[in-house]
Protein backbone atom coordinates (compact mmCIF):
# COMPACT_ATOMS: atom_id res chain seq x y z
CA ASN A 1 6.39 -29.19 -13.80
CA PHE A 2 3.01 -30.69 -14.71
CA GLU A 3 1.21 -29.43 -11.58
CA GLU A 4 2.42 -25.87 -12.23
CA LEU A 5 1.23 -26.05 -15.83
CA ILE A 6 -2.22 -27.22 -14.67
CA LEU A 7 -2.32 -24.43 -12.07
CA ASN A 8 -1.40 -21.77 -14.64
CA TYR A 9 -4.03 -23.11 -17.05
CA LEU A 10 -6.70 -22.96 -14.37
CA LEU A 11 -5.55 -19.45 -13.44
CA LEU A 12 -5.83 -18.28 -17.06
CA CYS A 13 -9.35 -19.71 -17.26
CA LEU A 14 -10.22 -17.91 -14.05
CA MET A 15 -8.81 -14.58 -15.26
CA LYS A 16 -11.02 -14.63 -18.35
CA ASN A 17 -13.93 -13.62 -16.11
CA ILE A 18 -12.12 -10.66 -14.53
CA ARG A 19 -13.50 -7.21 -15.36
CA HIS A 20 -12.58 -5.16 -12.31
CA ILE A 21 -9.07 -4.90 -10.86
CA PHE A 22 -8.59 -3.42 -7.40
CA PHE A 23 -5.14 -2.18 -6.51
CA ASP A 24 -3.64 -1.37 -3.19
CA LEU A 25 -1.81 1.98 -3.48
CA ASP A 26 1.20 2.31 -1.18
CA ASN A 27 4.12 0.12 -2.27
CA THR A 28 1.97 -1.54 -4.89
CA LEU A 29 1.73 1.36 -7.33
CA TRP A 30 2.91 4.44 -5.39
CA ASP A 31 6.42 3.92 -4.01
CA HIS A 32 5.73 4.85 -0.41
CA ARG A 33 8.99 3.42 0.95
CA LYS A 34 11.12 5.54 -1.35
CA ASN A 35 8.99 8.70 -1.11
CA ALA A 36 8.87 8.49 2.70
CA TYR A 37 12.63 8.02 2.86
CA LEU A 38 13.28 11.15 0.80
CA THR A 39 10.75 13.20 2.77
CA LEU A 40 12.11 12.23 6.17
CA LYS A 41 15.69 12.88 5.07
CA GLU A 42 14.73 16.44 4.12
CA ILE A 43 12.91 17.08 7.44
CA TYR A 44 15.77 15.49 9.39
CA LYS A 45 18.30 17.81 7.74
CA ARG A 46 16.13 20.89 8.23
CA GLU A 47 15.63 20.18 11.94
CA ASN A 48 19.40 19.60 12.49
CA VAL A 49 18.68 16.34 14.31
CA GLN A 50 22.15 14.88 13.74
CA GLU A 51 23.81 17.98 15.19
CA LYS A 52 21.40 18.19 18.15
CA TYR A 53 21.43 14.55 19.17
CA ASN A 54 24.43 13.00 17.37
CA LEU A 55 22.11 10.53 15.62
CA GLY A 56 22.62 9.66 11.98
CA PHE A 57 19.66 9.64 9.66
CA GLU A 58 20.15 6.08 8.39
CA ASP A 59 20.05 4.71 11.93
CA PHE A 60 16.95 6.71 12.71
CA HIS A 61 15.22 5.76 9.51
CA ARG A 62 15.91 2.06 10.02
CA GLU A 63 14.22 2.11 13.41
CA TYR A 64 11.39 4.39 12.24
CA PHE A 65 10.61 2.01 9.40
CA THR A 66 10.38 -0.92 11.82
CA ILE A 67 8.13 0.96 14.24
CA ASN A 68 5.93 2.42 11.53
CA GLU A 69 5.38 -1.02 9.94
CA ARG A 70 4.40 -2.43 13.31
CA LEU A 71 1.96 0.40 14.01
CA TRP A 72 0.33 0.06 10.59
CA ALA A 73 -0.11 -3.67 11.25
CA GLN A 74 -1.83 -2.73 14.53
CA ILE A 75 -4.12 -0.32 12.68
CA ARG A 76 -4.93 -3.01 10.15
CA ASP A 77 -5.75 -5.44 12.98
CA GLY A 78 -7.93 -2.88 14.78
CA GLU A 79 -5.66 -2.60 17.83
CA ILE A 80 -5.03 1.12 17.49
CA ASP A 81 -6.46 4.10 15.52
CA LYS A 82 -4.70 6.47 13.20
CA GLU A 83 -4.51 9.17 15.94
CA TYR A 84 -2.44 6.79 18.05
CA LEU A 85 -0.13 6.11 15.09
CA ARG A 86 0.33 9.76 14.36
CA LYS A 87 1.21 10.45 18.01
CA HIS A 88 3.64 7.64 18.40
CA ARG A 89 5.48 6.71 15.18
CA PHE A 90 8.11 9.43 15.37
CA TYR A 91 8.07 9.85 19.13
CA ASP A 92 8.70 6.15 19.70
CA SER A 93 11.40 6.15 17.01
CA PHE A 94 13.33 8.88 18.76
CA LEU A 95 12.65 7.36 22.15
CA PHE A 96 14.34 4.13 20.97
CA PHE A 97 17.61 6.13 20.87
CA GLY A 98 16.96 7.75 24.27
CA ILE A 99 15.66 11.00 22.77
CA ASP A 100 12.54 12.07 24.65
CA ASP A 101 11.49 15.04 22.53
CA TYR A 102 7.74 15.06 21.87
CA ASP A 103 7.82 18.51 20.23
CA LEU A 104 10.39 17.34 17.69
CA ALA A 105 8.34 14.21 16.93
CA GLN A 106 5.29 16.37 16.30
CA VAL A 107 7.23 18.61 13.91
CA PHE A 108 8.00 15.50 11.90
CA GLU A 109 4.40 14.30 12.04
CA GLN A 110 2.91 17.65 11.08
CA ASN A 111 5.21 18.05 8.11
CA PHE A 112 5.43 14.50 6.91
CA LEU A 113 1.99 14.00 5.34
CA ASP A 114 2.18 17.33 3.49
CA GLU A 115 5.74 17.05 2.30
CA ILE A 116 5.61 13.41 1.18
CA LEU A 117 3.39 14.66 -1.64
CA ASN A 118 6.45 16.50 -2.98
CA TYR A 119 7.82 13.09 -3.94
CA ASN A 120 5.70 10.98 -6.19
CA ASP A 121 7.82 8.17 -7.52
CA LEU A 122 5.86 5.14 -8.62
CA VAL A 123 6.82 1.49 -8.25
CA GLU A 124 8.78 0.37 -11.31
CA GLY A 125 6.46 -0.54 -14.17
CA ALA A 126 3.31 1.03 -12.65
CA PHE A 127 2.55 3.43 -15.51
CA GLU A 128 3.18 0.79 -18.14
CA LEU A 129 0.96 -1.74 -16.36
CA LEU A 130 -1.94 0.72 -15.94
CA GLU A 131 -1.73 1.70 -19.55
CA TYR A 132 -1.68 -1.94 -20.62
CA LEU A 133 -4.69 -2.89 -18.47
CA SER A 134 -6.69 0.15 -19.56
CA GLU A 135 -6.07 -0.71 -23.24
CA LYS A 136 -7.21 -4.26 -22.54
CA GLY A 137 -10.55 -2.89 -21.28
CA TYR A 138 -10.28 -3.65 -17.58
CA THR A 139 -11.95 -1.27 -15.12
CA LEU A 140 -9.38 -0.21 -12.52
CA HIS A 141 -9.88 0.82 -8.91
CA ILE A 142 -7.84 1.80 -5.85
CA LEU A 143 -8.58 0.27 -2.44
CA SER A 144 -6.16 1.67 0.14
CA ASN A 145 -5.76 1.46 3.91
CA GLY A 146 -3.97 4.80 3.78
CA PHE A 147 -5.27 8.11 5.11
CA LYS A 148 -8.04 9.60 2.99
CA GLU A 149 -6.47 13.06 3.10
CA VAL A 150 -3.43 11.86 1.12
CA THR A 151 -4.70 8.88 -0.91
CA TYR A 152 -6.46 11.01 -3.53
CA ARG A 153 -3.60 13.48 -3.67
CA LYS A 154 -1.04 10.72 -4.24
CA CYS A 155 -3.04 9.48 -7.23
CA GLU A 156 -3.48 12.98 -8.58
CA LEU A 157 0.09 14.23 -8.13
CA SER A 158 1.71 11.06 -9.46
CA GLY A 159 -0.37 11.27 -12.61
CA ILE A 160 -2.30 7.98 -12.24
CA GLN A 161 -5.70 9.31 -11.07
CA ASN A 162 -7.36 9.10 -14.44
CA TYR A 163 -6.76 5.40 -14.79
CA PHE A 164 -9.17 4.65 -11.97
CA LYS A 165 -12.95 4.58 -11.95
CA THR A 166 -13.06 4.62 -8.16
CA ILE A 167 -10.57 5.47 -5.44
CA THR A 168 -11.52 4.13 -2.02
CA SER A 169 -9.76 4.93 1.27
CA ALA A 170 -10.49 2.87 4.34
CA ASP A 171 -11.07 6.14 6.19
CA GLU A 172 -14.37 6.50 4.34
CA LEU A 173 -15.78 3.72 6.54
CA ASN A 174 -13.17 3.78 9.31
CA VAL A 175 -12.76 0.09 8.56
CA ARG A 176 -9.57 -1.32 7.07
CA LYS A 177 -8.53 -4.30 5.00
CA PRO A 178 -8.71 -7.22 5.69
CA GLN A 179 -12.18 -6.58 7.17
CA PRO A 180 -14.91 -7.71 4.76
CA GLU A 181 -16.90 -4.49 5.21
CA ILE A 182 -14.33 -2.42 3.34
CA TYR A 183 -14.26 -4.90 0.46
CA GLU A 184 -18.02 -4.90 0.31
CA TYR A 185 -18.10 -1.10 0.31
CA ALA A 186 -15.46 -0.85 -2.42
CA LEU A 187 -17.19 -3.37 -4.70
CA LYS A 188 -20.54 -1.63 -4.25
CA LYS A 189 -18.98 1.73 -5.03
CA ALA A 190 -17.38 0.23 -8.15
CA ASN A 191 -20.59 -1.55 -9.16
CA ALA A 192 -18.51 -4.73 -9.39
CA LYS A 193 -19.34 -8.36 -8.77
CA LYS A 194 -17.14 -10.64 -6.70
CA GLU A 195 -16.63 -13.18 -9.50
CA GLU A 196 -15.50 -10.42 -11.86
CA SER A 197 -13.01 -8.80 -9.44
CA ILE A 198 -9.45 -9.35 -8.29
CA MET A 199 -7.30 -7.62 -5.60
CA ILE A 200 -3.61 -6.88 -6.11
CA GLY A 201 -1.46 -5.75 -3.22
CA ASP A 202 1.73 -6.07 -1.20
CA ASP A 203 0.21 -6.90 2.19
CA TRP A 204 -0.45 -10.61 2.58
CA ILE A 205 -2.97 -10.21 5.37
CA ALA A 206 -4.79 -7.06 4.24
CA ASP A 207 -4.79 -7.61 0.48
CA VAL A 208 -4.62 -11.35 -0.04
CA GLU A 209 -6.24 -12.97 2.98
CA GLY A 210 -8.77 -10.11 3.18
CA ALA A 211 -9.82 -10.47 -0.45
CA LEU A 212 -9.95 -14.28 -0.33
CA SER A 213 -12.02 -14.39 2.85
CA PHE A 214 -14.42 -11.92 1.29
CA GLY A 215 -14.72 -14.12 -1.79
CA ILE A 216 -12.67 -12.42 -4.49
CA ASP A 217 -9.38 -13.56 -6.04
CA ALA A 218 -6.04 -11.94 -5.16
CA VAL A 219 -2.51 -11.57 -6.45
CA PHE A 220 0.29 -11.05 -3.93
CA PHE A 221 2.89 -8.47 -5.05
CA ASP A 222 5.90 -9.63 -3.06
CA VAL A 223 7.70 -6.32 -3.60
CA PHE A 224 9.76 -6.68 -0.37
CA LYS A 225 10.51 -10.37 -0.83
CA ASP A 226 8.55 -11.47 2.28
CA ASN A 227 8.18 -14.93 0.69
CA PHE A 228 4.59 -15.40 1.78
CA GLY A 229 2.48 -17.56 -0.47
CA ASN A 230 0.54 -20.75 -1.05
CA ASP A 231 -0.43 -22.91 -4.02
CA GLU A 232 -3.70 -21.11 -4.53
CA VAL A 233 -2.40 -17.55 -4.81
CA LYS A 234 -0.44 -16.12 -7.69
CA VAL A 235 2.71 -14.33 -6.42
CA ILE A 236 4.59 -11.73 -8.50
CA ARG A 237 7.85 -9.89 -7.82
CA GLU A 238 7.47 -7.26 -10.56
CA LEU A 239 4.33 -5.51 -11.79
CA LYS A 240 5.01 -6.45 -15.40
CA GLU A 241 4.43 -10.09 -14.49
CA LEU A 242 0.71 -9.37 -14.31
CA GLN A 243 0.63 -9.00 -18.10
CA LYS A 244 1.19 -12.76 -18.41
CA PHE A 245 -2.30 -13.55 -17.19
CA LEU A 246 -4.31 -10.36 -17.38
């Protein structure tokens, strides 16, 4: 319709000023959901959990995913720290099924961060998009809420590290998106101006609301079909859609 055409025109005009593109990492470029699933399935099999507790992996994983997402939201909102998350995400998942086995939970935790780096699938279209944006002359950056100890390794082992001028993990400041301090830190590190920058990510609060409240534009990558959005924010379902206006 006419309003949508006007909005797209204004968006294109706005994008002409963009020089620096900041990407979230997990589930925006690096397929954390898939890589975590494969990692946990391997650990689960190795520890004979199904035989010990008569609990199928798919049931466990479904509950783990819910608990882990909630804990990460609490980290983002400053309610807990990463040590709390690392102590509770597997323990609470097993406890949901009546399995009070802290030692088993810690085996999962201790192996998970190392072994997830054995799986480095990217979100569909990530390589092609990074190549396209690099050829167009944009300067690319990573701004992640993930743990510093694995953020750099994920970029390196998946083969995308060289596309980025800067890679910033929230652990560097111990402040996480959507807090303005982490955006300010990342832009300063990148030598980027607000009006020349845009944030792209899959977390509506951390990536979109955080960027907008700091004063830079944002694109919401609705990879999990959460259906968040408003008239002022561009929403994409596939990475290749970014090529329409960048």
